[in-house]
């Protein structure tokens, strides 16, 4: 559930960029629906995972996927250092999940 919620964070973050200050209807609707579902999934996840770990994993997944989408869409340049740093974030998320007994 937490992974899906993190993925939905990337959806709402990306939709927010396309919503143009909520002046565009479809991206704005995608933003609000994805935001609500993402928060609901995070809330569900913290029932069994500590809020600190759940939040870090949720934000990390969302941030990484948002940047990866921007790389693929061409709105962000994928320099070697940026790619390396995204890999470090992913490794840190995986490490937190591995060392957290409730995760």
N, C-alpha and C. Protein backbone atom coordinates (compact mmCIF):
# COMPACT_ATOMS: atom_id res chain seq x y z
N UNK A 1 0.83 -1.19 0.00
CA UNK A 1 0.00 0.00 0.00
C UNK A 1 0.88 1.26 0.00
N UNK A 2 1.95 1.22 0.77
CA UNK A 2 2.82 2.39 0.85
C UNK A 2 3.50 2.68 -0.49
N UNK A 3 3.88 1.64 -1.20
CA UNK A 3 4.51 1.83 -2.51
C UNK A 3 3.52 2.47 -3.49
N UNK A 4 2.30 1.98 -3.50
CA UNK A 4 1.27 2.55 -4.37
C UNK A 4 1.00 4.01 -3.99
N UNK A 5 0.97 4.29 -2.69
CA UNK A 5 0.75 5.66 -2.23
C UNK A 5 1.89 6.58 -2.68
N UNK A 6 3.12 6.06 -2.62
CA UNK A 6 4.26 6.83 -3.10
C UNK A 6 4.18 7.10 -4.59
N UNK A 7 3.70 6.10 -5.33
CA UNK A 7 3.52 6.28 -6.77
C UNK A 7 2.46 7.34 -7.05
N UNK A 8 1.40 7.33 -6.26
CA UNK A 8 0.35 8.34 -6.43
C UNK A 8 0.85 9.73 -6.05
N UNK A 9 1.84 9.79 -5.15
CA UNK A 9 2.43 11.09 -4.84
C UNK A 9 3.09 11.66 -6.09
N UNK A 10 3.78 10.80 -6.83
CA UNK A 10 4.41 11.25 -8.07
C UNK A 10 3.35 11.73 -9.07
N UNK A 11 2.21 11.04 -9.09
CA UNK A 11 1.13 11.44 -10.01
C UNK A 11 0.62 12.83 -9.64
N UNK A 12 0.32 13.04 -8.35
CA UNK A 12 -0.23 14.36 -8.00
C UNK A 12 0.81 15.47 -8.14
N UNK A 13 2.07 15.17 -7.85
CA UNK A 13 3.10 16.19 -8.00
C UNK A 13 3.26 16.58 -9.47
N UNK A 14 3.23 15.59 -10.35
CA UNK A 14 3.34 15.87 -11.78
C UNK A 14 2.10 16.60 -12.29
N UNK A 15 0.93 16.16 -11.86
CA UNK A 15 -0.32 16.82 -12.27
C UNK A 15 -0.35 18.27 -11.81
N UNK A 16 0.21 18.54 -10.64
CA UNK A 16 0.24 19.90 -10.14
C UNK A 16 1.00 20.82 -11.10
N UNK A 17 2.09 20.29 -11.65
CA UNK A 17 2.85 21.07 -12.62
C UNK A 17 2.06 21.37 -13.88
N UNK A 18 1.23 20.44 -14.29
CA UNK A 18 0.42 20.63 -15.50
C UNK A 18 -0.85 21.44 -15.24
N UNK A 19 -1.26 21.57 -13.98
CA UNK A 19 -2.53 22.23 -13.65
C UNK A 19 -2.49 23.74 -13.83
N UNK A 20 -1.30 24.30 -13.97
CA UNK A 20 -1.16 25.74 -14.23
C UNK A 20 -1.92 26.57 -13.20
N UNK A 21 -1.59 26.33 -11.93
CA UNK A 21 -2.25 27.10 -10.87
C UNK A 21 -3.73 26.78 -10.75
N UNK A 22 -4.10 25.55 -11.05
CA UNK A 22 -5.48 25.05 -11.03
C UNK A 22 -6.37 25.73 -12.07
N UNK A 23 -5.74 26.23 -13.13
CA UNK A 23 -6.52 26.83 -14.22
C UNK A 23 -6.91 25.81 -15.27
N UNK A 24 -6.27 24.64 -15.26
CA UNK A 24 -6.60 23.57 -16.21
C UNK A 24 -7.36 22.48 -15.46
N UNK A 25 -8.54 22.16 -15.97
CA UNK A 25 -9.46 21.28 -15.25
C UNK A 25 -8.94 19.85 -15.08
N UNK A 26 -8.56 19.20 -16.15
CA UNK A 26 -8.20 17.77 -16.08
C UNK A 26 -6.98 17.55 -15.18
N UNK A 27 -5.88 18.27 -15.38
CA UNK A 27 -4.75 18.07 -14.47
C UNK A 27 -5.10 18.41 -13.01
N UNK A 28 -5.97 19.39 -12.82
CA UNK A 28 -6.39 19.74 -11.46
C UNK A 28 -7.18 18.61 -10.82
N UNK A 29 -8.08 18.01 -11.59
CA UNK A 29 -8.84 16.86 -11.07
C UNK A 29 -7.93 15.68 -10.77
N UNK A 30 -6.98 15.41 -11.67
CA UNK A 30 -6.01 14.33 -11.43
C UNK A 30 -5.24 14.62 -10.16
N UNK A 31 -4.82 15.87 -9.98
CA UNK A 31 -4.10 16.25 -8.76
C UNK A 31 -4.90 15.93 -7.51
N UNK A 32 -6.15 16.40 -7.45
CA UNK A 32 -6.95 16.22 -6.23
C UNK A 32 -7.28 14.76 -5.96
N UNK A 33 -7.59 13.99 -6.99
CA UNK A 33 -7.91 12.58 -6.80
C UNK A 33 -6.66 11.81 -6.35
N UNK A 34 -5.54 12.04 -7.04
CA UNK A 34 -4.30 11.34 -6.67
C UNK A 34 -3.84 11.75 -5.28
N UNK A 35 -4.00 13.02 -4.94
CA UNK A 35 -3.63 13.50 -3.61
C UNK A 35 -4.44 12.79 -2.53
N UNK A 36 -5.75 12.73 -2.72
CA UNK A 36 -6.61 12.09 -1.73
C UNK A 36 -6.28 10.61 -1.58
N UNK A 37 -6.09 9.92 -2.70
CA UNK A 37 -5.77 8.49 -2.64
C UNK A 37 -4.39 8.25 -2.03
N UNK A 38 -3.44 9.11 -2.37
CA UNK A 38 -2.10 8.98 -1.82
C UNK A 38 -2.10 9.18 -0.31
N UNK A 39 -2.79 10.19 0.15
CA UNK A 39 -2.87 10.44 1.60
C UNK A 39 -3.61 9.32 2.32
N UNK A 40 -4.67 8.81 1.71
CA UNK A 40 -5.41 7.70 2.32
C UNK A 40 -4.52 6.47 2.45
N UNK A 41 -3.73 6.19 1.42
CA UNK A 41 -2.81 5.06 1.48
C UNK A 41 -1.74 5.25 2.52
N UNK A 42 -1.22 6.47 2.64
CA UNK A 42 -0.23 6.76 3.66
C UNK A 42 -0.83 6.59 5.05
N UNK A 43 -2.04 7.10 5.24
CA UNK A 43 -2.72 6.96 6.52
C UNK A 43 -2.95 5.49 6.87
N UNK A 44 -3.33 4.71 5.88
CA UNK A 44 -3.51 3.28 6.11
C UNK A 44 -2.19 2.60 6.48
N UNK A 45 -1.12 3.01 5.82
CA UNK A 45 0.19 2.39 6.05
C UNK A 45 0.74 2.67 7.44
N UNK A 46 0.47 3.86 7.98
CA UNK A 46 1.02 4.17 9.30
C UNK A 46 0.31 3.42 10.42
N UNK A 47 -0.69 2.66 10.08
CA UNK A 47 -1.30 1.78 11.09
C UNK A 47 -0.36 0.65 11.46
N UNK A 48 0.51 0.24 10.52
CA UNK A 48 1.41 -0.89 10.77
C UNK A 48 2.88 -0.54 10.64
N UNK A 49 3.19 0.62 10.09
CA UNK A 49 4.57 1.07 9.92
C UNK A 49 4.71 2.38 10.68
N UNK A 50 5.86 2.59 11.32
CA UNK A 50 6.03 3.84 12.06
C UNK A 50 5.86 5.02 11.10
N UNK A 51 5.22 6.09 11.58
CA UNK A 51 5.00 7.25 10.72
C UNK A 51 6.30 7.81 10.14
N UNK A 52 7.36 7.80 10.90
CA UNK A 52 8.64 8.34 10.42
C UNK A 52 9.14 7.56 9.21
N UNK A 53 9.17 6.24 9.32
CA UNK A 53 9.66 5.41 8.21
C UNK A 53 8.69 5.47 7.04
N UNK A 54 7.39 5.39 7.33
CA UNK A 54 6.39 5.43 6.26
C UNK A 54 6.51 6.73 5.47
N UNK A 55 6.67 7.84 6.17
CA UNK A 55 6.75 9.13 5.49
C UNK A 55 7.98 9.23 4.62
N UNK A 56 9.12 8.79 5.13
CA UNK A 56 10.36 8.84 4.34
C UNK A 56 10.24 7.99 3.09
N UNK A 57 9.70 6.80 3.24
CA UNK A 57 9.53 5.91 2.08
C UNK A 57 8.56 6.52 1.08
N UNK A 58 7.45 7.04 1.57
CA UNK A 58 6.43 7.65 0.71
C UNK A 58 6.99 8.83 -0.07
N UNK A 59 7.67 9.73 0.62
CA UNK A 59 8.25 10.91 -0.03
C UNK A 59 9.36 10.49 -1.00
N UNK A 60 10.19 9.55 -0.59
CA UNK A 60 11.29 9.10 -1.44
C UNK A 60 10.80 8.50 -2.73
N UNK A 61 9.81 7.63 -2.64
CA UNK A 61 9.25 7.02 -3.85
C UNK A 61 8.64 8.10 -4.75
N UNK A 62 7.85 8.97 -4.15
CA UNK A 62 7.22 10.04 -4.93
C UNK A 62 8.23 10.96 -5.58
N UNK A 63 9.25 11.35 -4.84
CA UNK A 63 10.26 12.25 -5.39
C UNK A 63 11.04 11.59 -6.52
N UNK A 64 11.46 10.36 -6.30
CA UNK A 64 12.24 9.66 -7.33
C UNK A 64 11.42 9.47 -8.61
N UNK A 65 10.19 9.03 -8.46
CA UNK A 65 9.36 8.81 -9.65
C UNK A 65 9.02 10.12 -10.36
N UNK A 66 8.84 11.18 -9.60
CA UNK A 66 8.57 12.48 -10.21
C UNK A 66 9.75 12.94 -11.05
N UNK A 67 10.94 12.79 -10.52
CA UNK A 67 12.15 13.19 -11.26
C UNK A 67 12.38 12.27 -12.45
N UNK A 68 12.18 10.97 -12.27
CA UNK A 68 12.36 10.03 -13.38
C UNK A 68 11.39 10.36 -14.50
N UNK A 69 10.13 10.67 -14.16
CA UNK A 69 9.17 11.08 -15.19
C UNK A 69 9.65 12.34 -15.91
N UNK A 70 10.16 13.30 -15.14
CA UNK A 70 10.66 14.54 -15.75
C UNK A 70 11.85 14.25 -16.67
N UNK A 71 12.71 13.31 -16.29
CA UNK A 71 13.81 12.91 -17.17
C UNK A 71 13.26 12.37 -18.48
N UNK A 72 12.30 11.45 -18.38
CA UNK A 72 11.75 10.79 -19.56
C UNK A 72 10.94 11.76 -20.43
N UNK A 73 10.26 12.71 -19.79
CA UNK A 73 9.47 13.69 -20.54
C UNK A 73 10.33 14.80 -21.13
N UNK A 74 11.57 14.87 -20.70
CA UNK A 74 12.47 15.89 -21.22
C UNK A 74 12.36 17.24 -20.55
N UNK A 75 11.63 17.32 -19.45
CA UNK A 75 11.50 18.60 -18.74
C UNK A 75 12.59 18.81 -17.71
N UNK A 76 13.39 17.79 -17.48
CA UNK A 76 14.52 17.85 -16.56
C UNK A 76 15.68 17.13 -17.21
N UNK A 77 16.86 17.71 -17.14
CA UNK A 77 18.02 17.05 -17.76
C UNK A 77 18.53 15.94 -16.84
N UNK A 78 18.81 14.79 -17.43
CA UNK A 78 19.28 13.62 -16.67
C UNK A 78 20.80 13.58 -16.69
N UNK A 79 21.41 14.42 -15.89
CA UNK A 79 22.87 14.43 -15.82
C UNK A 79 23.34 13.23 -15.00
N UNK A 80 24.57 12.80 -15.20
CA UNK A 80 25.08 11.66 -14.43
C UNK A 80 24.99 11.85 -12.92
N UNK A 81 25.25 13.04 -12.43
CA UNK A 81 25.19 13.27 -10.98
C UNK A 81 23.75 13.19 -10.48
N UNK A 82 22.79 13.70 -11.25
CA UNK A 82 21.38 13.61 -10.84
C UNK A 82 20.93 12.15 -10.80
N UNK A 83 21.29 11.40 -11.81
CA UNK A 83 20.93 9.97 -11.85
C UNK A 83 21.57 9.25 -10.67
N UNK A 84 22.83 9.53 -10.39
CA UNK A 84 23.53 8.90 -9.27
C UNK A 84 22.84 9.24 -7.94
N UNK A 85 22.45 10.47 -7.78
CA UNK A 85 21.79 10.87 -6.53
C UNK A 85 20.41 10.23 -6.38
N UNK A 86 19.69 10.07 -7.48
CA UNK A 86 18.40 9.36 -7.42
C UNK A 86 18.64 7.91 -7.00
N UNK A 87 19.69 7.29 -7.52
CA UNK A 87 20.03 5.92 -7.13
C UNK A 87 20.35 5.86 -5.64
N UNK A 88 21.04 6.85 -5.12
CA UNK A 88 21.35 6.89 -3.69
C UNK A 88 20.06 6.98 -2.87
N UNK A 89 19.11 7.81 -3.31
CA UNK A 89 17.83 7.92 -2.61
C UNK A 89 17.11 6.57 -2.61
N UNK A 90 17.08 5.91 -3.75
CA UNK A 90 16.42 4.60 -3.85
C UNK A 90 17.10 3.59 -2.93
N UNK A 91 18.42 3.60 -2.91
CA UNK A 91 19.16 2.69 -2.02
C UNK A 91 18.86 2.98 -0.56
N UNK A 92 18.75 4.26 -0.21
CA UNK A 92 18.44 4.63 1.17
C UNK A 92 17.04 4.17 1.56
N UNK A 93 16.09 4.31 0.65
CA UNK A 93 14.72 3.84 0.92
C UNK A 93 14.71 2.34 1.14
N UNK A 94 15.38 1.62 0.25
CA UNK A 94 15.45 0.16 0.39
C UNK A 94 16.13 -0.22 1.70
N UNK A 95 17.18 0.50 2.05
CA UNK A 95 17.88 0.24 3.31
C UNK A 95 16.99 0.46 4.51
N UNK A 96 16.23 1.55 4.52
CA UNK A 96 15.30 1.80 5.62
C UNK A 96 14.26 0.70 5.74
N UNK A 97 13.76 0.25 4.61
CA UNK A 97 12.77 -0.83 4.65
C UNK A 97 13.38 -2.11 5.21
N UNK A 98 14.64 -2.37 4.87
CA UNK A 98 15.30 -3.59 5.32
C UNK A 98 15.61 -3.57 6.83
N UNK A 99 15.94 -2.42 7.36
CA UNK A 99 16.32 -2.35 8.78
C UNK A 99 15.14 -2.03 9.70
N UNK A 100 13.99 -1.80 9.15
CA UNK A 100 12.80 -1.50 9.96
C UNK A 100 12.00 -2.78 10.14
N UNK A 101 11.90 -3.27 11.36
CA UNK A 101 11.21 -4.55 11.58
C UNK A 101 9.74 -4.53 11.20
N UNK A 102 9.08 -3.38 11.31
CA UNK A 102 7.65 -3.33 11.00
C UNK A 102 7.36 -3.15 9.53
N UNK A 103 8.39 -2.85 8.74
CA UNK A 103 8.18 -2.54 7.32
C UNK A 103 8.03 -3.75 6.47
